[in-house]
Amino acid sequence: MFEMQWPWLLLLAPLPLAMQLLPAKKRVEAALRVPFYQHASQLEQHHKLGLNKRPAKLLLLWLIWLSCLLAATNPQWVGEPTSMPSSGRDLLMAVDISGSMEQTDMTIAGRGVTRLMAVKKVIGEFVVRRNSDRMGLILFGAQAYLQAPLTYDRQTVNQLLQEAQIGFAGRETAIGDAIGLAVKRLRDRPNASRVLVLLTDGANTSGQLSPEKATELAQQAKIKIYTIAFGAESMEVQGLFGSRTINPSRDLDEPGMINIAEKTGGKYFRARNLEELENIHRELDRLEPVEMETETFRPVQTLFYWPLALALLLSLLLASWHLWQGRATRVEQA
């Protein structure tokens, strides 16, 4: 629908006409004797020629004035009402990208992949699915970094997750710093529902903040933390002397992860393979359901530049006309 933000400005349209109707100031001048009557007669003919073209010039000036007025009213095209789902939930994903995440103990379509690749697949789908939450992404290794601030742009959050590489943040694991960074980003949010999903495959081996102290800070900020311990419990590897069974998740601090979840009102999950990780994120969807409250807005497209461009075009046409008239006059006088 077409609208004008300040339509009352169109009341100024007759202003140039009102200026023309004002009486001109009378000028009293002494009579002059013109010794070159023939030359004066030629000038009078040129003046009459200009008068014949005056209506077209006035029309151009009038159109320029109306175009400028129309642009000043700020014309807009207002679209149809659109509903956008919204909720008060601020959900941060903290993903471990330390050196241990390069373990190849996961499978996708029968092909062995690293833990990080499996996480990218499952968490990426989880992020895109949360279509009414503000999502953010923290990546942590030896240090913790806010890769994506809280935003409704879930596609960008997913893209930044897919671009993450092992070693970007160091090869150790700073779980406490990751929680501390999440607290810093969530504690000042105005809404009460603040959630952190923390995924790691190891124990805290780096960082300035211990997981215990970070958990206390999360409690004070009323941040609910869901912890996910990721990685296979055992796997067979082939060596020079035959196959042997190893435990790639032997460094996992399950008691610490359980403690973090329980103290903050969250829940602890154990994912040994891709299927369990997918089930966990479905469970998170159940525990933290997507709210379906909607906000209605109408997209607005400004159109002022169209009448403004018309005014500029007409002004250039008028200037070209004046130049052509001046040149024609000089040729005739010559």
C-alpha atoms as a PDB file:
ATOM      1  CA  MET A   1       0.000   0.000   0.000  1.00  0.00           C
ATOM      2  CA  PHE A   2       1.269   3.447  -0.958  1.00  0.00           C
ATOM      3  CA  GLU A   3       1.635   5.939   1.906  1.00  0.00           C
ATOM      4  CA  MET A   4       3.218   9.332   2.569  1.00  0.00           C
ATOM      5  CA  GLN A   5       4.867  10.037   5.898  1.00  0.00           C
ATOM      6  CA  TRP A   6       4.243  13.808   5.741  1.00  0.00           C
ATOM      7  CA  PRO A   7       1.405  14.316   3.202  1.00  0.00           C
ATOM      8  CA  TRP A   8       0.599  17.804   4.564  1.00  0.00           C
ATOM      9  CA  LEU A   9       3.658  19.103   2.693  1.00  0.00           C
ATOM     10  CA  LEU A  10       1.598  18.866  -0.516  1.00  0.00           C
ATOM     11  CA  LEU A  11      -0.343  21.912   0.751  1.00  0.00           C
ATOM     12  CA  LEU A  12       2.686  23.947  -0.331  1.00  0.00           C
ATOM     13  CA  ALA A  13       2.097  23.033  -3.997  1.00  0.00           C
ATOM     14  CA  PRO A  14       0.294  26.353  -4.871  1.00  0.00           C
ATOM     15  CA  LEU A  15       3.069  28.427  -3.282  1.00  0.00           C
ATOM     16  CA  PRO A  16       4.797  29.367  -6.607  1.00  0.00           C
ATOM     17  CA  LEU A  17       1.410  30.426  -8.027  1.00  0.00           C
ATOM     18  CA  ALA A  18       0.781  32.617  -4.988  1.00  0.00           C
ATOM     19  CA  MET A  19       4.161  34.239  -5.536  1.00  0.00           C
ATOM     20  CA  GLN A  20       3.176  35.020  -9.128  1.00  0.00           C
ATOM     21  CA  LEU A  21      -0.087  36.655  -8.007  1.00  0.00           C
ATOM     22  CA  LEU A  22       1.664  39.086  -5.680  1.00  0.00           C
ATOM     23  CA  PRO A  23       1.726  42.578  -7.226  1.00  0.00           C
ATOM     24  CA  ALA A  24       5.094  43.617  -8.543  1.00  0.00           C
ATOM     25  CA  LYS A  25       6.761  46.657  -7.064  1.00  0.00           C
ATOM     26  CA  LYS A  26       6.272  49.687  -9.270  1.00  0.00           C
ATOM     27  CA  ARG A  27       9.482  51.079 -10.695  1.00  0.00           C
ATOM     28  CA  VAL A  28       9.664  54.756 -11.580  1.00  0.00           C
ATOM     29  CA  GLU A  29      12.375  55.408 -14.088  1.00  0.00           C
ATOM     30  CA  ALA A  30      13.296  58.314 -16.247  1.00  0.00           C
ATOM     31  CA  ALA A  31      12.542  58.025 -19.945  1.00  0.00           C
ATOM     32  CA  LEU A  32      15.525  57.085 -22.069  1.00  0.00           C
ATOM     33  CA  ARG A  33      16.243  58.105 -25.612  1.00  0.00           C
ATOM     34  CA  VAL A  34      17.261  55.179 -27.728  1.00  0.00           C
ATOM     35  CA  PRO A  35      19.438  56.346 -30.593  1.00  0.00           C
ATOM     36  CA  PHE A  36      19.685  52.894 -32.213  1.00  0.00           C
ATOM     37  CA  TYR A  37      16.019  52.135 -32.805  1.00  0.00           C
ATOM     38  CA  GLN A  38      16.646  49.283 -35.232  1.00  0.00           C
ATOM     39  CA  HIS A  39      18.830  47.400 -32.771  1.00  0.00           C
ATOM     40  CA  ALA A  40      16.246  47.900 -30.009  1.00  0.00           C
ATOM     41  CA  SER A  41      13.570  46.535 -32.300  1.00  0.00           C
ATOM     42  CA  GLN A  42      15.577  43.317 -32.786  1.00  0.00           C
ATOM     43  CA  LEU A  43      15.882  42.938 -29.022  1.00  0.00           C
ATOM     44  CA  GLU A  44      12.118  43.287 -28.688  1.00  0.00           C
ATOM     45  CA  GLN A  45      11.596  40.503 -31.211  1.00  0.00           C
ATOM     46  CA  HIS A  46      13.924  38.204 -29.232  1.00  0.00           C
ATOM     47  CA  HIS A  47      11.972  39.061 -26.093  1.00  0.00           C
ATOM     48  CA  LYS A  48       8.708  38.072 -27.779  1.00  0.00           C
ATOM     49  CA  LEU A  49      10.307  34.819 -28.884  1.00  0.00           C
ATOM     50  CA  GLY A  50      11.207  34.102 -25.242  1.00  0.00           C
ATOM     51  CA  LEU A  51       7.632  34.873 -24.179  1.00  0.00           C
ATOM     52  CA  ASN A  52       6.314  32.283 -26.614  1.00  0.00           C
ATOM     53  CA  LYS A  53       8.465  29.653 -24.880  1.00  0.00           C
ATOM     54  CA  ARG A  54       7.621  30.813 -21.355  1.00  0.00           C
ATOM     55  CA  PRO A  55       4.625  28.432 -20.769  1.00  0.00           C
ATOM     56  CA  ALA A  56       6.843  25.387 -21.373  1.00  0.00           C
ATOM     57  CA  LYS A  57       9.464  26.802 -19.000  1.00  0.00           C
ATOM     58  CA  LEU A  58       6.846  27.460 -16.322  1.00  0.00           C
ATOM     59  CA  LEU A  59       5.541  23.921 -16.737  1.00  0.00           C
ATOM     60  CA  LEU A  60       9.038  22.501 -16.210  1.00  0.00           C
ATOM     61  CA  LEU A  61       9.575  24.639 -13.112  1.00  0.00           C
ATOM     62  CA  TRP A  62       6.183  23.564 -11.782  1.00  0.00           C
ATOM     63  CA  LEU A  63       6.980  19.871 -12.296  1.00  0.00           C
ATOM     64  CA  ILE A  64      10.367  20.280 -10.573  1.00  0.00           C
ATOM     65  CA  TRP A  65       8.654  21.929  -7.607  1.00  0.00           C
ATOM     66  CA  LEU A  66       6.000  19.195  -7.344  1.00  0.00           C
ATOM     67  CA  SER A  67       8.647  16.439  -7.617  1.00  0.00           C
ATOM     68  CA  CYS A  68      10.673  17.971  -4.794  1.00  0.00           C
ATOM     69  CA  LEU A  69       7.541  18.302  -2.654  1.00  0.00           C
ATOM     70  CA  LEU A  70       6.592  14.677  -3.330  1.00  0.00           C
ATOM     71  CA  ALA A  71      10.076  13.513  -2.328  1.00  0.00           C
ATOM     72  CA  ALA A  72       9.859  15.606   0.865  1.00  0.00           C
ATOM     73  CA  THR A  73       6.656  13.812   1.907  1.00  0.00           C
ATOM     74  CA  ASN A  74       8.759  10.607   2.130  1.00  0.00           C
ATOM     75  CA  PRO A  75       6.546   8.302   0.036  1.00  0.00           C
ATOM     76  CA  GLN A  76       6.657   4.645   1.106  1.00  0.00           C
ATOM     77  CA  TRP A  77       5.375   1.303  -0.061  1.00  0.00           C
ATOM     78  CA  VAL A  78       4.093  -0.579   2.993  1.00  0.00           C
ATOM     79  CA  GLY A  79       3.842  -4.334   2.528  1.00  0.00           C
ATOM     80  CA  GLU A  80       1.330  -6.768   3.909  1.00  0.00           C
ATOM     81  CA  PRO A  81       1.505  -7.596   7.662  1.00  0.00           C
ATOM     82  CA  THR A  82       4.023 -10.374   8.346  1.00  0.00           C
ATOM     83  CA  SER A  83       4.155 -12.455  11.508  1.00  0.00           C
ATOM     84  CA  MET A  84       7.547 -13.335  12.969  1.00  0.00           C
ATOM     85  CA  PRO A  85       7.854 -15.932  15.741  1.00  0.00           C
ATOM     86  CA  SER A  86       9.690 -14.720  18.793  1.00  0.00           C
ATOM     87  CA  SER A  87      10.558 -15.792  22.292  1.00  0.00           C
ATOM     88  CA  GLY A  88      12.480 -14.492  25.222  1.00  0.00           C
ATOM     89  CA  ARG A  89      15.018 -17.314  25.138  1.00  0.00           C
ATOM     90  CA  ASP A  90      18.714 -16.567  24.697  1.00  0.00           C
ATOM     91  CA  LEU A  91      20.490 -19.810  23.777  1.00  0.00           C
ATOM     92  CA  LEU A  92      24.264 -20.062  23.489  1.00  0.00           C
ATOM     93  CA  MET A  93      26.069 -23.098  22.081  1.00  0.00           C
ATOM     94  CA  ALA A  94      29.568 -23.690  23.476  1.00  0.00           C
ATOM     95  CA  VAL A  95      31.423 -26.191  21.256  1.00  0.00           C
ATOM     96  CA  ASP A  96      34.767 -27.788  22.048  1.00  0.00           C
ATOM     97  CA  ILE A  97      37.259 -27.525  19.148  1.00  0.00           C
ATOM     98  CA  SER A  98      40.333 -28.708  21.082  1.00  0.00           C
ATOM     99  CA  GLY A  99      42.816 -31.216  19.683  1.00  0.00           C
ATOM    100  CA  SER A 100      40.907 -34.248  20.950  1.00  0.00           C
ATOM    101  CA  MET A 101      37.984 -33.403  18.665  1.00  0.00           C
ATOM    102  CA  GLU A 102      39.989 -34.716  15.713  1.00  0.00           C
ATOM    103  CA  GLN A 103      39.471 -38.304  16.958  1.00  0.00           C
ATOM    104  CA  THR A 104      37.921 -40.362  14.145  1.00  0.00           C
ATOM    105  CA  ASP A 105      35.479 -42.435  16.175  1.00  0.00           C
ATOM    106  CA  MET A 106      32.198 -41.283  14.579  1.00  0.00           C
ATOM    107  CA  THR A 107      30.489 -42.492  11.409  1.00  0.00           C
ATOM    108  CA  ILE A 108      28.251 -40.710   8.896  1.00  0.00           C
ATOM    109  CA  ALA A 109      26.676 -42.873   6.189  1.00  0.00           C
ATOM    110  CA  GLY A 110      29.118 -45.661   6.978  1.00  0.00           C
ATOM    111  CA  ARG A 111      32.159 -43.400   6.658  1.00  0.00           C
ATOM    112  CA  GLY A 112      34.444 -42.635   9.576  1.00  0.00           C
ATOM    113  CA  VAL A 113      34.570 -38.921  10.461  1.00  0.00           C
ATOM    114  CA  THR A 114      36.063 -36.807  13.217  1.00  0.00           C
ATOM    115  CA  ARG A 115      34.086 -35.802  16.253  1.00  0.00           C
ATOM    116  CA  LEU A 116      34.042 -32.204  15.109  1.00  0.00           C
ATOM    117  CA  MET A 117      32.503 -33.125  11.750  1.00  0.00           C
ATOM    118  CA  ALA A 118      29.776 -35.090  13.529  1.00  0.00           C
ATOM    119  CA  VAL A 119      29.119 -32.159  15.868  1.00  0.00           C
ATOM    120  CA  LYS A 120      28.876 -29.749  12.933  1.00  0.00           C
ATOM    121  CA  LYS A 121      26.219 -31.911  11.315  1.00  0.00           C
ATOM    122  CA  VAL A 122      24.007 -32.405  14.372  1.00  0.00           C
ATOM    123  CA  ILE A 123      24.405 -29.015  16.041  1.00  0.00           C
ATOM    124  CA  GLY A 124      24.051 -27.262  12.697  1.00  0.00           C
ATOM    125  CA  GLU A 125      20.638 -28.854  12.228  1.00  0.00           C
ATOM    126  CA  PHE A 126      19.727 -28.000  15.837  1.00  0.00           C
ATOM    127  CA  VAL A 127      20.660 -24.325  15.354  1.00  0.00           C
ATOM    128  CA  VAL A 128      18.612 -23.947  12.169  1.00  0.00           C
ATOM    129  CA  ARG A 129      15.645 -25.646  13.833  1.00  0.00           C
ATOM    130  CA  ARG A 130      15.482 -23.128  16.700  1.00  0.00           C
ATOM    131  CA  ASN A 131      13.599 -20.596  14.620  1.00  0.00           C
ATOM    132  CA  SER A 132      12.315 -18.421  17.481  1.00  0.00           C
ATOM    133  CA  ASP A 133      15.363 -18.190  19.741  1.00  0.00           C
ATOM    134  CA  ARG A 134      18.288 -15.832  19.728  1.00  0.00           C
ATOM    135  CA  MET A 135      21.210 -18.154  19.028  1.00  0.00           C
ATOM    136  CA  GLY A 136      24.900 -17.575  19.697  1.00  0.00           C
ATOM    137  CA  LEU A 137      28.082 -19.611  19.318  1.00  0.00           C
ATOM    138  CA  ILE A 138      31.133 -19.956  21.544  1.00  0.00           C
ATOM    139  CA  LEU A 139      34.135 -21.959  20.362  1.00  0.00           C
ATOM    140  CA  PHE A 140      36.687 -23.018  22.933  1.00  0.00           C
ATOM    141  CA  GLY A 141      39.981 -24.854  23.143  1.00  0.00           C
ATOM    142  CA  ALA A 142      42.794 -23.458  25.266  1.00  0.00           C
ATOM    143  CA  GLN A 143      40.865 -20.155  25.050  1.00  0.00           C
ATOM    144  CA  ALA A 144      37.190 -19.368  24.589  1.00  0.00           C
ATOM    145  CA  TYR A 145      35.943 -17.066  21.844  1.00  0.00           C
ATOM    146  CA  LEU A 146      32.523 -15.661  21.026  1.00  0.00           C
ATOM    147  CA  GLN A 147      32.218 -16.695  17.390  1.00  0.00           C
ATOM    148  CA  ALA A 148      28.642 -15.439  16.901  1.00  0.00           C
ATOM    149  CA  PRO A 149      26.744 -13.096  19.257  1.00  0.00           C
ATOM    150  CA  LEU A 150      23.121 -13.734  20.117  1.00  0.00           C
ATOM    151  CA  THR A 151      21.073 -13.241  16.972  1.00  0.00           C
ATOM    152  CA  TYR A 152      17.991 -14.423  15.109  1.00  0.00           C
ATOM    153  CA  ASP A 153      20.214 -15.000  12.051  1.00  0.00           C
ATOM    154  CA  ARG A 154      20.526 -18.752  12.536  1.00  0.00           C
ATOM    155  CA  GLN A 155      21.975 -19.331   9.060  1.00  0.00           C
ATOM    156  CA  THR A 156      25.012 -17.183   9.895  1.00  0.00           C
ATOM    157  CA  VAL A 157      25.498 -18.954  13.230  1.00  0.00           C
ATOM    158  CA  ASN A 158      25.423 -22.301  11.428  1.00  0.00           C
ATOM    159  CA  GLN A 159      27.856 -21.062   8.772  1.00  0.00           C
ATOM    160  CA  LEU A 160      30.335 -19.906  11.421  1.00  0.00           C
ATOM    161  CA  LEU A 161      30.049 -23.305  13.089  1.00  0.00           C
ATOM    162  CA  GLN A 162      30.724 -25.109   9.804  1.00  0.00           C
ATOM    163  CA  GLU A 163      33.834 -22.954   9.222  1.00  0.00           C
ATOM    164  CA  ALA A 164      35.352 -23.846  12.623  1.00  0.00           C
ATOM    165  CA  GLN A 165      38.571 -25.849  12.534  1.00  0.00           C
ATOM    166  CA  ILE A 166      40.460 -27.793  15.186  1.00  0.00           C
ATOM    167  CA  GLY A 167      43.261 -25.692  16.616  1.00  0.00           C
ATOM    168  CA  PHE A 168      41.611 -22.303  16.034  1.00  0.00           C
ATOM    169  CA  ALA A 169      41.442 -21.807  19.814  1.00  0.00           C
ATOM    170  CA  GLY A 170      44.361 -24.020  20.861  1.00  0.00           C
ATOM    171  CA  ARG A 171      44.524 -27.747  21.476  1.00  0.00           C
ATOM    172  CA  GLU A 172      43.710 -27.846  25.205  1.00  0.00           C
ATOM    173  CA  THR A 173      40.273 -27.489  26.834  1.00  0.00           C
ATOM    174  CA  ALA A 174      39.125 -24.440  28.820  1.00  0.00           C
ATOM    175  CA  ILE A 175      35.638 -25.425  29.981  1.00  0.00           C
ATOM    176  CA  GLY A 176      35.582 -22.869  32.808  1.00  0.00           C
ATOM    177  CA  ASP A 177      36.468 -19.994  30.488  1.00  0.00           C
ATOM    178  CA  ALA A 178      33.744 -21.057  28.035  1.00  0.00           C
ATOM    179  CA  ILE A 179      31.124 -20.990  30.801  1.00  0.00           C
ATOM    180  CA  GLY A 180      32.486 -17.667  32.081  1.00  0.00           C
ATOM    181  CA  LEU A 181      32.217 -16.107  28.612  1.00  0.00           C
ATOM    182  CA  ALA A 182      28.651 -17.379  28.295  1.00  0.00           C
ATOM    183  CA  VAL A 183      27.776 -15.830  31.662  1.00  0.00           C
ATOM    184  CA  LYS A 184      29.231 -12.514  30.537  1.00  0.00           C
ATOM    185  CA  ARG A 185      27.085 -12.559  27.412  1.00  0.00           C
ATOM    186  CA  LEU A 186      23.866 -13.778  29.027  1.00  0.00           C
ATOM    187  CA  ARG A 187      23.721 -12.139  32.441  1.00  0.00           C
ATOM    188  CA  ASP A 188      22.711  -8.679  31.158  1.00  0.00           C
ATOM    189  CA  ARG A 189      19.961  -9.972  28.905  1.00  0.00           C
ATOM    190  CA  PRO A 190      16.555  -8.675  30.021  1.00  0.00           C
ATOM    191  CA  ASN A 191      14.793 -12.023  29.731  1.00  0.00           C
ATOM    192  CA  ALA A 192      14.644 -14.706  32.372  1.00  0.00           C
ATOM    193  CA  SER A 193      15.138 -17.733  30.099  1.00  0.00           C
ATOM    194  CA  ARG A 194      18.892 -17.979  29.510  1.00  0.00           C
ATOM    195  CA  VAL A 195      20.305 -21.285  28.298  1.00  0.00           C
ATOM    196  CA  LEU A 196      23.801 -22.595  27.585  1.00  0.00           C
ATOM    197  CA  VAL A 197      24.418 -25.909  25.796  1.00  0.00           C
ATOM    198  CA  LEU A 198      27.997 -27.005  26.473  1.00  0.00           C
ATOM    199  CA  LEU A 199      29.517 -29.821  24.402  1.00  0.00           C
ATOM    200  CA  THR A 200      32.959 -31.233  25.107  1.00  0.00           C
ATOM    201  CA  ASP A 201      34.872 -34.521  24.843  1.00  0.00           C
ATOM    202  CA  GLY A 202      37.397 -33.901  27.591  1.00  0.00           C
ATOM    203  CA  ALA A 203      38.161 -32.349  30.968  1.00  0.00           C
ATOM    204  CA  ASN A 204      39.196 -28.826  31.873  1.00  0.00           C
ATOM    205  CA  THR A 205      42.951 -28.597  31.183  1.00  0.00           C
ATOM    206  CA  SER A 206      43.405 -24.884  30.512  1.00  0.00           C
ATOM    207  CA  GLY A 207      41.990 -21.440  31.150  1.00  0.00           C
ATOM    208  CA  GLN A 208      41.965 -18.899  33.942  1.00  0.00           C
ATOM    209  CA  LEU A 209      38.562 -19.806  35.385  1.00  0.00           C
ATOM    210  CA  SER A 210      37.838 -23.158  36.984  1.00  0.00           C
ATOM    211  CA  PRO A 211      34.596 -24.964  36.037  1.00  0.00           C
ATOM    212  CA  GLU A 212      33.471 -24.823  39.685  1.00  0.00           C
ATOM    213  CA  LYS A 213      33.839 -21.039  39.910  1.00  0.00           C
ATOM    214  CA  ALA A 214      32.242 -20.568  36.491  1.00  0.00           C
ATOM    215  CA  THR A 215      29.294 -22.712  37.586  1.00  0.00           C
ATOM    216  CA  GLU A 216      28.785 -20.483  40.634  1.00  0.00           C
ATOM    217  CA  LEU A 217      28.683 -17.436  38.373  1.00  0.00           C
ATOM    218  CA  ALA A 218      26.139 -19.153  36.128  1.00  0.00           C
ATOM    219  CA  GLN A 219      23.978 -19.943  39.174  1.00  0.00           C
ATOM    220  CA  GLN A 220      24.018 -16.300  40.242  1.00  0.00           C
ATOM    221  CA  ALA A 221      23.043 -15.178  36.737  1.00  0.00           C
ATOM    222  CA  LYS A 222      20.236 -17.793  36.603  1.00  0.00           C
ATOM    223  CA  ILE A 223      21.686 -19.456  33.521  1.00  0.00           C
ATOM    224  CA  LYS A 224      20.621 -23.028  32.863  1.00  0.00           C
ATOM    225  CA  ILE A 225      23.422 -25.215  31.486  1.00  0.00           C
ATOM    226  CA  TYR A 226      22.910 -28.462  29.567  1.00  0.00           C
ATOM    227  CA  THR A 227      26.153 -30.402  29.350  1.00  0.00           C
ATOM    228  CA  ILE A 228      26.909 -32.965  26.653  1.00  0.00           C
ATOM    229  CA  ALA A 229      29.844 -35.354  26.959  1.00  0.00           C
ATOM    230  CA  PHE A 230      30.734 -36.533  23.465  1.00  0.00           C
ATOM    231  CA  GLY A 231      32.910 -39.402  22.243  1.00  0.00           C
ATOM    232  CA  ALA A 232      33.015 -43.187  21.951  1.00  0.00           C
ATOM    233  CA  GLU A 233      33.780 -45.161  25.100  1.00  0.00           C
ATOM    234  CA  SER A 234      35.803 -47.819  23.305  1.00  0.00           C
ATOM    235  CA  MET A 235      37.031 -48.597  19.827  1.00  0.00           C
ATOM    236  CA  GLU A 236      39.258 -51.147  18.145  1.00  0.00           C
ATOM    237  CA  VAL A 237      42.410 -50.047  16.345  1.00  0.00           C
ATOM    238  CA  GLN A 238      44.737 -52.082  14.168  1.00  0.00           C
ATOM    239  CA  GLY A 239      48.412 -52.170  15.118  1.00  0.00           C
ATOM    240  CA  LEU A 240      51.550 -54.063  14.146  1.00  0.00           C
ATOM    241  CA  PHE A 241      50.684 -56.825  16.585  1.00  0.00           C
ATOM    242  CA  GLY A 242      46.966 -57.079  15.802  1.00  0.00           C
ATOM    243  CA  SER A 243      43.909 -55.179  16.928  1.00  0.00           C
ATOM    244  CA  ARG A 244      43.449 -53.700  20.381  1.00  0.00           C
ATOM    245  CA  THR A 245      40.667 -51.885  22.206  1.00  0.00           C
ATOM    246  CA  ILE A 246      41.246 -48.346  23.429  1.00  0.00           C
ATOM    247  CA  ASN A 247      39.091 -45.806  25.259  1.00  0.00           C
ATOM    248  CA  PRO A 248      39.333 -42.482  23.393  1.00  0.00           C
ATOM    249  CA  SER A 249      37.164 -40.763  26.039  1.00  0.00           C
ATOM    250  CA  ARG A 250      39.280 -41.728  29.043  1.00  0.00           C
ATOM    251  CA  ASP A 251      39.997 -38.055  29.813  1.00  0.00           C
ATOM    252  CA  LEU A 252      36.322 -37.131  29.958  1.00  0.00           C
ATOM    253  CA  ASP A 253      35.300 -35.561  33.279  1.00  0.00           C
ATOM    254  CA  GLU A 254      31.783 -36.927  33.634  1.00  0.00           C
ATOM    255  CA  PRO A 255      31.391 -36.093  37.359  1.00  0.00           C
ATOM    256  CA  GLY A 256      32.348 -32.489  36.628  1.00  0.00           C
ATOM    257  CA  MET A 257      29.891 -32.249  33.757  1.00  0.00           C
ATOM    258  CA  ILE A 258      27.106 -33.728  35.879  1.00  0.00           C
ATOM    259  CA  ASN A 259      27.886 -31.233  38.644  1.00  0.00           C
ATOM    260  CA  ILE A 260      27.661 -28.261  36.268  1.00  0.00           C
ATOM    261  CA  ALA A 261      24.267 -29.375  34.932  1.00  0.00           C
ATOM    262  CA  GLU A 262      22.740 -30.167  38.329  1.00  0.00           C
ATOM    263  CA  LYS A 263      23.816 -26.929  40.025  1.00  0.00           C
ATOM    264  CA  THR A 264      22.399 -24.740  37.235  1.00  0.00           C
ATOM    265  CA  GLY A 265      19.101 -26.579  36.814  1.00  0.00           C
ATOM    266  CA  GLY A 266      20.078 -28.179  33.509  1.00  0.00           C
ATOM    267  CA  LYS A 267      20.709 -31.769  32.543  1.00  0.00           C
ATOM    268  CA  TYR A 268      23.701 -33.958  31.694  1.00  0.00           C
ATOM    269  CA  PHE A 269      23.790 -36.059  28.519  1.00  0.00           C
ATOM    270  CA  ARG A 270      26.221 -38.693  27.268  1.00  0.00           C
ATOM    271  CA  ALA A 271      26.587 -39.113  23.497  1.00  0.00           C
ATOM    272  CA  ARG A 272      28.682 -42.077  22.356  1.00  0.00           C
ATOM    273  CA  ASN A 273      27.778 -41.831  18.689  1.00  0.00           C
ATOM    274  CA  LEU A 274      25.993 -39.649  16.157  1.00  0.00           C
ATOM    275  CA  GLU A 275      22.577 -41.187  16.791  1.00  0.00           C
ATOM    276  CA  GLU A 276      22.750 -40.500  20.528  1.00  0.00           C
ATOM    277  CA  LEU A 277      23.831 -36.930  19.853  1.00  0.00           C
ATOM    278  CA  GLU A 278      20.830 -36.415  17.564  1.00  0.00           C
ATOM    279  CA  ASN A 279      18.519 -37.873  20.233  1.00  0.00           C
ATOM    280  CA  ILE A 280      19.989 -35.487  22.796  1.00  0.00           C
ATOM    281  CA  HIS A 281      19.192 -32.463  20.677  1.00  0.00           C
ATOM    282  CA  ARG A 282      15.659 -33.715  20.157  1.00  0.00           C
ATOM    283  CA  GLU A 283      15.441 -34.011  23.934  1.00  0.00           C
ATOM    284  CA  LEU A 284      16.674 -30.429  24.238  1.00  0.00           C
ATOM    285  CA  ASP A 285      13.881 -29.373  21.904  1.00  0.00           C
ATOM    286  CA  ARG A 286      11.454 -31.004  24.319  1.00  0.00           C
ATOM    287  CA  LEU A 287      13.031 -29.538  27.458  1.00  0.00           C
ATOM    288  CA  GLU A 288      13.364 -26.068  25.933  1.00  0.00           C
ATOM    289  CA  PRO A 289      10.398 -25.919  23.549  1.00  0.00           C
ATOM    290  CA  VAL A 290      10.223 -23.302  20.836  1.00  0.00           C
ATOM    291  CA  GLU A 291       7.767 -20.614  21.883  1.00  0.00           C
ATOM    292  CA  MET A 292       5.244 -19.677  19.237  1.00  0.00           C
ATOM    293  CA  GLU A 293       4.434 -16.104  20.292  1.00  0.00           C
ATOM    294  CA  THR A 294       4.472 -13.901  17.233  1.00  0.00           C
ATOM    295  CA  GLU A 295       5.221 -10.289  16.494  1.00  0.00           C
ATOM    296  CA  THR A 296       3.594  -8.615  13.501  1.00  0.00           C
ATOM    297  CA  PHE A 297       5.403  -6.071  11.372  1.00  0.00           C
ATOM    298  CA  ARG A 298       4.930  -4.532   7.937  1.00  0.00           C
ATOM    299  CA  PRO A 299       7.940  -4.209   5.624  1.00  0.00           C
ATOM    300  CA  VAL A 300       8.467  -0.618   4.450  1.00  0.00           C
ATOM    301  CA  GLN A 301      10.261   0.404   1.248  1.00  0.00           C
ATOM    302  CA  THR A 302      11.098   4.091   0.828  1.00  0.00           C
ATOM    303  CA  LEU A 303      10.382   5.636  -2.590  1.00  0.00           C
ATOM    304  CA  PHE A 304      11.517   9.268  -2.193  1.00  0.00           C
ATOM    305  CA  TYR A 305      14.425   8.815  -4.579  1.00  0.00           C
ATOM    306  CA  TRP A 306      12.086   8.359  -7.589  1.00  0.00           C
ATOM    307  CA  PRO A 307      10.499  11.859  -7.494  1.00  0.00           C
ATOM    308  CA  LEU A 308      13.878  13.275  -6.494  1.00  0.00           C
ATOM    309  CA  ALA A 309      15.467  11.698  -9.569  1.00  0.00           C
ATOM    310  CA  LEU A 310      12.660  13.143 -11.726  1.00  0.00           C
ATOM    311  CA  ALA A 311      13.334  16.612 -10.302  1.00  0.00           C
ATOM    312  CA  LEU A 312      17.029  16.260 -11.110  1.00  0.00           C
ATOM    313  CA  LEU A 313      16.282  15.096 -14.657  1.00  0.00           C
ATOM    314  CA  LEU A 314      13.903  18.000 -15.281  1.00  0.00           C
ATOM    315  CA  SER A 315      16.458  20.442 -13.867  1.00  0.00           C
ATOM    316  CA  LEU A 316      19.086  19.156 -16.279  1.00  0.00           C
ATOM    317  CA  LEU A 317      16.576  19.504 -19.143  1.00  0.00           C
ATOM    318  CA  LEU A 318      15.831  23.108 -18.149  1.00  0.00           C
ATOM    319  CA  ALA A 319      19.534  23.950 -17.907  1.00  0.00           C
ATOM    320  CA  SER A 320      20.153  22.438 -21.353  1.00  0.00           C
ATOM    321  CA  TRP A 321      17.282  24.495 -22.744  1.00  0.00           C
ATOM    322  CA  HIS A 322      18.805  27.704 -21.367  1.00  0.00           C
ATOM    323  CA  LEU A 323      22.176  26.860 -22.881  1.00  0.00           C
ATOM    324  CA  TRP A 324      20.586  26.131 -26.258  1.00  0.00           C
ATOM    325  CA  GLN A 325      18.595  29.404 -26.151  1.00  0.00           C
ATOM    326  CA  GLY A 326      21.693  31.417 -25.313  1.00  0.00           C
ATOM    327  CA  ARG A 327      23.658  29.840 -28.139  1.00  0.00           C
ATOM    328  CA  ALA A 328      20.813  30.421 -30.632  1.00  0.00           C
ATOM    329  CA  THR A 329      20.606  34.090 -29.622  1.00  0.00           C
ATOM    330  CA  ARG A 330      24.339  34.616 -30.084  1.00  0.00           C
ATOM    331  CA  VAL A 331      24.176  33.042 -33.548  1.00  0.00           C
ATOM    332  CA  GLU A 332      21.319  35.317 -34.628  1.00  0.00           C
ATOM    333  CA  GLN A 333      23.100  38.415 -33.319  1.00  0.00           C
ATOM    334  CA  ALA A 334      26.201  37.445 -35.228  1.00  0.00           C
END
